Amino acid sequence: VKGRFTISRDNAKNTVYLQMNSLK
């Protein structure tokens, strides 16, 4: 998933995200 997915977090919103692009 390298280069296609991005993990991030917003501790103020108490949420973690996984942006998934170029899905296969």
PDB file of all heavy atoms in Angstrom:
ATOM      1  N   VAL A   1       0.815  -1.227   0.000  1.00  0.00           N
ATOM      2  CA  VAL A   1       0.000   0.000   0.000  1.00  0.00           C
ATOM      3  C   VAL A   1       0.845   1.272   0.000  1.00  0.00           C
ATOM      4  O   VAL A   1       0.297   2.375  -0.082  1.00  0.00           O
ATOM      5  CB  VAL A   1      -0.971   0.029   1.199  1.00  0.00           C
ATOM      6  CG1 VAL A   1      -1.807  -1.253   1.241  1.00  0.00           C
ATOM      7  CG2 VAL A   1      -0.245   0.246   2.516  1.00  0.00           C
ATOM      8  N   LYS A   2       2.154   1.137   0.085  1.00  0.00           N
ATOM      9  CA  LYS A   2       3.020   2.317   0.106  1.00  0.00           C
ATOM     10  C   LYS A   2       2.795   3.167  -1.139  1.00  0.00           C
ATOM     11  O   LYS A   2       2.742   2.650  -2.257  1.00  0.00           O
ATOM     12  CB  LYS A   2       4.490   1.901   0.179  1.00  0.00           C
ATOM     13  CG  LYS A   2       4.964   1.555   1.571  1.00  0.00           C
ATOM     14  CD  LYS A   2       6.445   1.190   1.560  1.00  0.00           C
ATOM     15  CE  LYS A   2       6.907   0.808   2.943  1.00  0.00           C
ATOM     16  NZ  LYS A   2       8.331   0.382   2.947  1.00  0.00           N
ATOM     17  N   GLY A   3       2.693   4.466  -0.916  1.00  0.00           N
ATOM     18  CA  GLY A   3       2.486   5.386  -2.023  1.00  0.00           C
ATOM     19  C   GLY A   3       1.040   5.540  -2.428  1.00  0.00           C
ATOM     20  O   GLY A   3       0.703   6.445  -3.200  1.00  0.00           O
ATOM     21  N   ARG A   4       0.170   4.683  -1.918  1.00  0.00           N
ATOM     22  CA  ARG A   4      -1.260   4.759  -2.237  1.00  0.00           C
ATOM     23  C   ARG A   4      -2.107   5.105  -1.020  1.00  0.00           C
ATOM     24  O   ARG A   4      -3.114   5.801  -1.140  1.00  0.00           O
ATOM     25  CB  ARG A   4      -1.735   3.426  -2.818  1.00  0.00           C
ATOM     26  CG  ARG A   4      -1.025   3.010  -4.079  1.00  0.00           C
ATOM     27  CD  ARG A   4      -1.692   1.790  -4.717  1.00  0.00           C
ATOM     28  NE  ARG A   4      -1.649   0.609  -3.854  1.00  0.00           N
ATOM     29  CZ  ARG A   4      -2.744  -0.054  -3.443  1.00  0.00           C
ATOM     30  NH1 ARG A   4      -3.944   0.342  -3.817  1.00  0.00           N
ATOM     31  NH2 ARG A   4      -2.613  -1.122  -2.681  1.00  0.00           N
ATOM     32  N   PHE A   5      -1.715   4.607   0.136  1.00  0.00           N
ATOM     33  CA  PHE A   5      -2.472   4.827   1.369  1.00  0.00           C
ATOM     34  C   PHE A   5      -1.711   5.794   2.272  1.00  0.00           C
ATOM     35  O   PHE A   5      -0.477   5.783   2.302  1.00  0.00           O
ATOM     36  CB  PHE A   5      -2.676   3.517   2.124  1.00  0.00           C
ATOM     37  CG  PHE A   5      -3.603   2.535   1.479  1.00  0.00           C
ATOM     38  CD1 PHE A   5      -4.056   2.690   0.176  1.00  0.00           C
ATOM     39  CD2 PHE A   5      -4.031   1.420   2.192  1.00  0.00           C
ATOM     40  CE1 PHE A   5      -4.905   1.778  -0.424  1.00  0.00           C
ATOM     41  CE2 PHE A   5      -4.887   0.486   1.615  1.00  0.00           C
ATOM     42  CZ  PHE A   5      -5.313   0.666   0.313  1.00  0.00           C
ATOM     43  N   THR A   6      -2.461   6.580   3.026  1.00  0.00           N
ATOM     44  CA  THR A   6      -1.861   7.494   3.994  1.00  0.00           C
ATOM     45  C   THR A   6      -2.616   7.415   5.310  1.00  0.00           C
ATOM     46  O   THR A   6      -3.836   7.606   5.334  1.00  0.00           O
ATOM     47  CB  THR A   6      -1.892   8.942   3.498  1.00  0.00           C
ATOM     48  OG1 THR A   6      -1.213   9.034   2.235  1.00  0.00           O
ATOM     49  CG2 THR A   6      -1.192   9.862   4.499  1.00  0.00           C
ATOM     50  N   ILE A   7      -1.882   7.127   6.376  1.00  0.00           N
ATOM     51  CA  ILE A   7      -2.478   7.105   7.704  1.00  0.00           C
ATOM     52  C   ILE A   7      -2.224   8.455   8.374  1.00  0.00           C
ATOM     53  O   ILE A   7      -1.155   9.057   8.195  1.00  0.00           O
ATOM     54  CB  ILE A   7      -1.914   5.940   8.553  1.00  0.00           C
ATOM     55  CG1 ILE A   7      -2.734   5.744   9.824  1.00  0.00           C
ATOM     56  CG2 ILE A   7      -0.438   6.153   8.861  1.00  0.00           C
ATOM     57  CD1 ILE A   7      -2.373   4.458  10.582  1.00  0.00           C
ATOM     58  N   SER A   8      -3.205   8.922   9.119  1.00  0.00           N
ATOM     59  CA  SER A   8      -3.044  10.187   9.834  1.00  0.00           C
ATOM     60  C   SER A   8      -3.932  10.158  11.066  1.00  0.00           C
ATOM     61  O   SER A   8      -4.806   9.294  11.202  1.00  0.00           O
ATOM     62  CB  SER A   8      -3.400  11.377   8.935  1.00  0.00           C
ATOM     63  OG  SER A   8      -4.761  11.327   8.551  1.00  0.00           O
ATOM     64  N   ARG A   9      -3.700  11.106  11.943  1.00  0.00           N
ATOM     65  CA  ARG A   9      -4.528  11.174  13.140  1.00  0.00           C
ATOM     66  C   ARG A   9      -4.734  12.626  13.517  1.00  0.00           C
ATOM     67  O   ARG A   9      -3.858  13.477  13.291  1.00  0.00           O
ATOM     68  CB  ARG A   9      -3.926  10.376  14.299  1.00  0.00           C
ATOM     69  CG  ARG A   9      -2.615  10.874  14.820  1.00  0.00           C
ATOM     70  CD  ARG A   9      -2.001   9.854  15.787  1.00  0.00           C
ATOM     71  NE  ARG A   9      -2.830   9.630  16.947  1.00  0.00           N
ATOM     72  CZ  ARG A   9      -2.768   8.526  17.720  1.00  0.00           C
ATOM     73  NH1 ARG A   9      -1.906   7.569  17.415  1.00  0.00           N
ATOM     74  NH2 ARG A   9      -3.547   8.399  18.776  1.00  0.00           N
ATOM     75  N   ASP A  10      -5.882  12.874  14.102  1.00  0.00           N
ATOM     76  CA  ASP A  10      -6.214  14.191  14.633  1.00  0.00           C
ATOM     77  C   ASP A  10      -6.611  13.964  16.084  1.00  0.00           C
ATOM     78  O   ASP A  10      -7.758  13.607  16.379  1.00  0.00           O
ATOM     79  CB  ASP A  10      -7.357  14.822  13.834  1.00  0.00           C
ATOM     80  CG  ASP A  10      -7.658  16.242  14.261  1.00  0.00           C
ATOM     81  OD1 ASP A  10      -7.317  16.621  15.401  1.00  0.00           O
ATOM     82  OD2 ASP A  10      -8.256  16.984  13.467  1.00  0.00           O
ATOM     83  N   ASN A  11      -5.661  14.141  16.973  1.00  0.00           N
ATOM     84  CA  ASN A  11      -5.935  13.857  18.384  1.00  0.00           C
ATOM     85  C   ASN A  11      -6.974  14.825  18.970  1.00  0.00           C
ATOM     86  O   ASN A  11      -7.680  14.472  19.908  1.00  0.00           O
ATOM     87  CB  ASN A  11      -4.645  13.892  19.189  1.00  0.00           C
ATOM     88  CG  ASN A  11      -3.795  12.641  18.962  1.00  0.00           C
ATOM     89  OD1 ASN A  11      -4.262  11.658  18.373  1.00  0.00           O
ATOM     90  ND2 ASN A  11      -2.557  12.672  19.412  1.00  0.00           N
ATOM     91  N   ALA A  12      -7.072  16.003  18.415  1.00  0.00           N
ATOM     92  CA  ALA A  12      -8.094  16.941  18.884  1.00  0.00           C
ATOM     93  C   ALA A  12      -9.497  16.407  18.588  1.00  0.00           C
ATOM     94  O   ALA A  12     -10.446  16.640  19.344  1.00  0.00           O
ATOM     95  CB  ALA A  12      -7.892  18.302  18.245  1.00  0.00           C
ATOM     96  N   LYS A  13      -9.618  15.684  17.463  1.00  0.00           N
ATOM     97  CA  LYS A  13     -10.897  15.082  17.105  1.00  0.00           C
ATOM     98  C   LYS A  13     -10.985  13.631  17.552  1.00  0.00           C
ATOM     99  O   LYS A  13     -11.995  12.965  17.308  1.00  0.00           O
ATOM    100  CB  LYS A  13     -11.108  15.168  15.590  1.00  0.00           C
ATOM    101  CG  LYS A  13     -11.264  16.586  15.063  1.00  0.00           C
ATOM    102  CD  LYS A  13     -11.547  16.599  13.579  1.00  0.00           C
ATOM    103  CE  LYS A  13     -11.764  18.023  13.085  1.00  0.00           C
ATOM    104  NZ  LYS A  13     -12.035  18.070  11.623  1.00  0.00           N
ATOM    105  N   ASN A  14      -9.892  13.153  18.171  1.00  0.00           N
ATOM    106  CA  ASN A  14      -9.884  11.778  18.687  1.00  0.00           C
ATOM    107  C   ASN A  14     -10.193  10.766  17.595  1.00  0.00           C
ATOM    108  O   ASN A  14     -10.960   9.822  17.801  1.00  0.00           O
ATOM    109  CB  ASN A  14     -10.891  11.645  19.847  1.00  0.00           C
ATOM    110  CG  ASN A  14     -10.480  10.602  20.854  1.00  0.00           C
ATOM    111  OD1 ASN A  14      -9.300  10.286  21.007  1.00  0.00           O
ATOM    112  ND2 ASN A  14     -11.457  10.079  21.568  1.00  0.00           N
ATOM    113  N   THR A  15      -9.584  10.962  16.444  1.00  0.00           N
ATOM    114  CA  THR A  15      -9.881  10.135  15.279  1.00  0.00           C
ATOM    115  C   THR A  15      -8.603   9.847  14.498  1.00  0.00           C
ATOM    116  O   THR A  15      -7.709  10.700  14.409  1.00  0.00           O
ATOM    117  CB  THR A  15     -10.902  10.842  14.365  1.00  0.00           C
ATOM    118  OG1 THR A  15     -12.079  11.139  15.109  1.00  0.00           O
ATOM    119  CG2 THR A  15     -11.289   9.942  13.186  1.00  0.00           C
ATOM    120  N   VAL A  16      -8.543   8.636  13.968  1.00  0.00           N
ATOM    121  CA  VAL A  16      -7.455   8.241  13.077  1.00  0.00           C
ATOM    122  C   VAL A  16      -8.057   7.939  11.713  1.00  0.00           C
ATOM    123  O   VAL A  16      -9.157   7.392  11.625  1.00  0.00           O
ATOM    124  CB  VAL A  16      -6.707   7.020  13.629  1.00  0.00           C
ATOM    125  CG1 VAL A  16      -5.650   6.529  12.652  1.00  0.00           C
ATOM    126  CG2 VAL A  16      -6.066   7.365  14.975  1.00  0.00           C
ATOM    127  N   TYR A  17      -7.325   8.281  10.669  1.00  0.00           N
ATOM    128  CA  TYR A  17      -7.828   8.136   9.316  1.00  0.00           C
ATOM    129  C   TYR A  17      -6.909   7.251   8.473  1.00  0.00           C
ATOM    130  O   TYR A  17      -5.709   7.131   8.744  1.00  0.00           O
ATOM    131  CB  TYR A  17      -7.918   9.514   8.636  1.00  0.00           C
ATOM    132  CG  TYR A  17      -8.732  10.517   9.388  1.00  0.00           C
ATOM    133  CD1 TYR A  17      -8.117  11.460  10.214  1.00  0.00           C
ATOM    134  CD2 TYR A  17     -10.118  10.532   9.295  1.00  0.00           C
ATOM    135  CE1 TYR A  17      -8.867  12.390  10.919  1.00  0.00           C
ATOM    136  CE2 TYR A  17     -10.869  11.466   9.997  1.00  0.00           C
ATOM    137  CZ  TYR A  17     -10.230  12.388  10.808  1.00  0.00           C
ATOM    138  OH  TYR A  17     -10.977  13.308  11.515  1.00  0.00           O
ATOM    139  N   LEU A  18      -7.489   6.659   7.465  1.00  0.00           N
ATOM    140  CA  LEU A  18      -6.723   5.951   6.455  1.00  0.00           C
ATOM    141  C   LEU A  18      -7.250   6.389   5.097  1.00  0.00           C
ATOM    142  O   LEU A  18      -8.343   6.004   4.703  1.00  0.00           O
ATOM    143  CB  LEU A  18      -6.843   4.435   6.613  1.00  0.00           C
ATOM    144  CG  LEU A  18      -5.977   3.626   5.644  1.00  0.00           C
ATOM    145  CD1 LEU A  18      -4.494   3.799   5.998  1.00  0.00           C
ATOM    146  CD2 LEU A  18      -6.355   2.156   5.679  1.00  0.00           C
ATOM    147  N   GLN A  19      -6.474   7.227   4.425  1.00  0.00           N
ATOM    148  CA  GLN A  19      -6.831   7.665   3.082  1.00  0.00           C
ATOM    149  C   GLN A  19      -6.295   6.638   2.097  1.00  0.00           C
ATOM    150  O   GLN A  19      -5.091   6.371   2.067  1.00  0.00           O
ATOM    151  CB  GLN A  19      -6.222   9.038   2.786  1.00  0.00           C
ATOM    152  CG  GLN A  19      -6.484   9.547   1.381  1.00  0.00           C
ATOM    153  CD  GLN A  19      -7.939   9.853   1.129  1.00  0.00           C
ATOM    154  OE1 GLN A  19      -8.591  10.513   1.929  1.00  0.00           O
ATOM    155  NE2 GLN A  19      -8.474   9.380   0.010  1.00  0.00           N
ATOM    156  N   MET A  20      -7.193   6.090   1.301  1.00  0.00           N
ATOM    157  CA  MET A  20      -6.821   5.031   0.364  1.00  0.00           C
ATOM    158  C   MET A  20      -7.080   5.516  -1.056  1.00  0.00           C
ATOM    159  O   MET A  20      -8.233   5.785  -1.420  1.00  0.00           O
ATOM    160  CB  MET A  20      -7.632   3.767   0.652  1.00  0.00           C
ATOM    161  CG  MET A  20      -7.509   3.290   2.094  1.00  0.00           C
ATOM    162  SD  MET A  20      -8.307   1.702   2.382  1.00  0.00           S
ATOM    163  CE  MET A  20     -10.013   2.115   2.052  1.00  0.00           C
ATOM    164  N   ASN A  21      -6.020   5.652  -1.821  1.00  0.00           N
ATOM    165  CA  ASN A  21      -6.116   6.089  -3.204  1.00  0.00           C
ATOM    166  C   ASN A  21      -5.669   4.978  -4.145  1.00  0.00           C
ATOM    167  O   ASN A  21      -5.029   4.015  -3.724  1.00  0.00           O
ATOM    168  CB  ASN A  21      -5.251   7.331  -3.426  1.00  0.00           C
ATOM    169  CG  ASN A  21      -5.675   8.512  -2.587  1.00  0.00           C
ATOM    170  OD1 ASN A  21      -6.861   8.679  -2.276  1.00  0.00           O
ATOM    171  ND2 ASN A  21      -4.716   9.344  -2.201  1.00  0.00           N
ATOM    172  N   SER A  22      -5.992   5.133  -5.411  1.00  0.00           N
ATOM    173  CA  SER A  22      -5.583   4.159  -6.442  1.00  0.00           C
ATOM    174  C   SER A  22      -5.910   2.738  -6.013  1.00  0.00           C
ATOM    175  O   SER A  22      -5.077   1.831  -6.107  1.00  0.00           O
ATOM    176  CB  SER A  22      -4.077   4.300  -6.730  1.00  0.00           C
ATOM    177  OG  SER A  22      -3.772   5.611  -7.149  1.00  0.00           O
ATOM    178  N   LEU A  23      -7.117   2.549  -5.541  1.00  0.00           N
ATOM    179  CA  LEU A  23      -7.504   1.250  -5.002  1.00  0.00           C
ATOM    180  C   LEU A  23      -7.514   0.181  -6.079  1.00  0.00           C
ATOM    181  O   LEU A  23      -7.843   0.444  -7.250  1.00  0.00           O
ATOM    182  CB  LEU A  23      -8.866   1.345  -4.327  1.00  0.00           C
ATOM    183  CG  LEU A  23      -8.811   1.983  -2.931  1.00  0.00           C
ATOM    184  CD1 LEU A  23     -10.177   2.507  -2.522  1.00  0.00           C
ATOM    185  CD2 LEU A  23      -8.293   0.985  -1.915  1.00  0.00           C
ATOM    186  N   LYS A  24      -7.137  -1.021  -5.665  1.00  0.00           N
ATOM    187  CA  LYS A  24      -7.051  -2.169  -6.552  1.00  0.00           C
ATOM    188  C   LYS A  24      -7.993  -3.263  -6.055  1.00  0.00           C
ATOM    189  O   LYS A  24      -8.317  -3.313  -4.865  1.00  0.00           O
ATOM    190  CB  LYS A  24      -5.626  -2.719  -6.559  1.00  0.00           C
ATOM    191  CG  LYS A  24      -4.559  -1.700  -6.940  1.00  0.00           C
ATOM    192  CD  LYS A  24      -3.171  -2.304  -6.800  1.00  0.00           C
ATOM    193  CE  LYS A  24      -2.085  -1.296  -7.160  1.00  0.00           C
ATOM    194  NZ  LYS A  24      -0.724  -1.883  -7.017  1.00  0.00           N
TER     195      LYS A  24
END
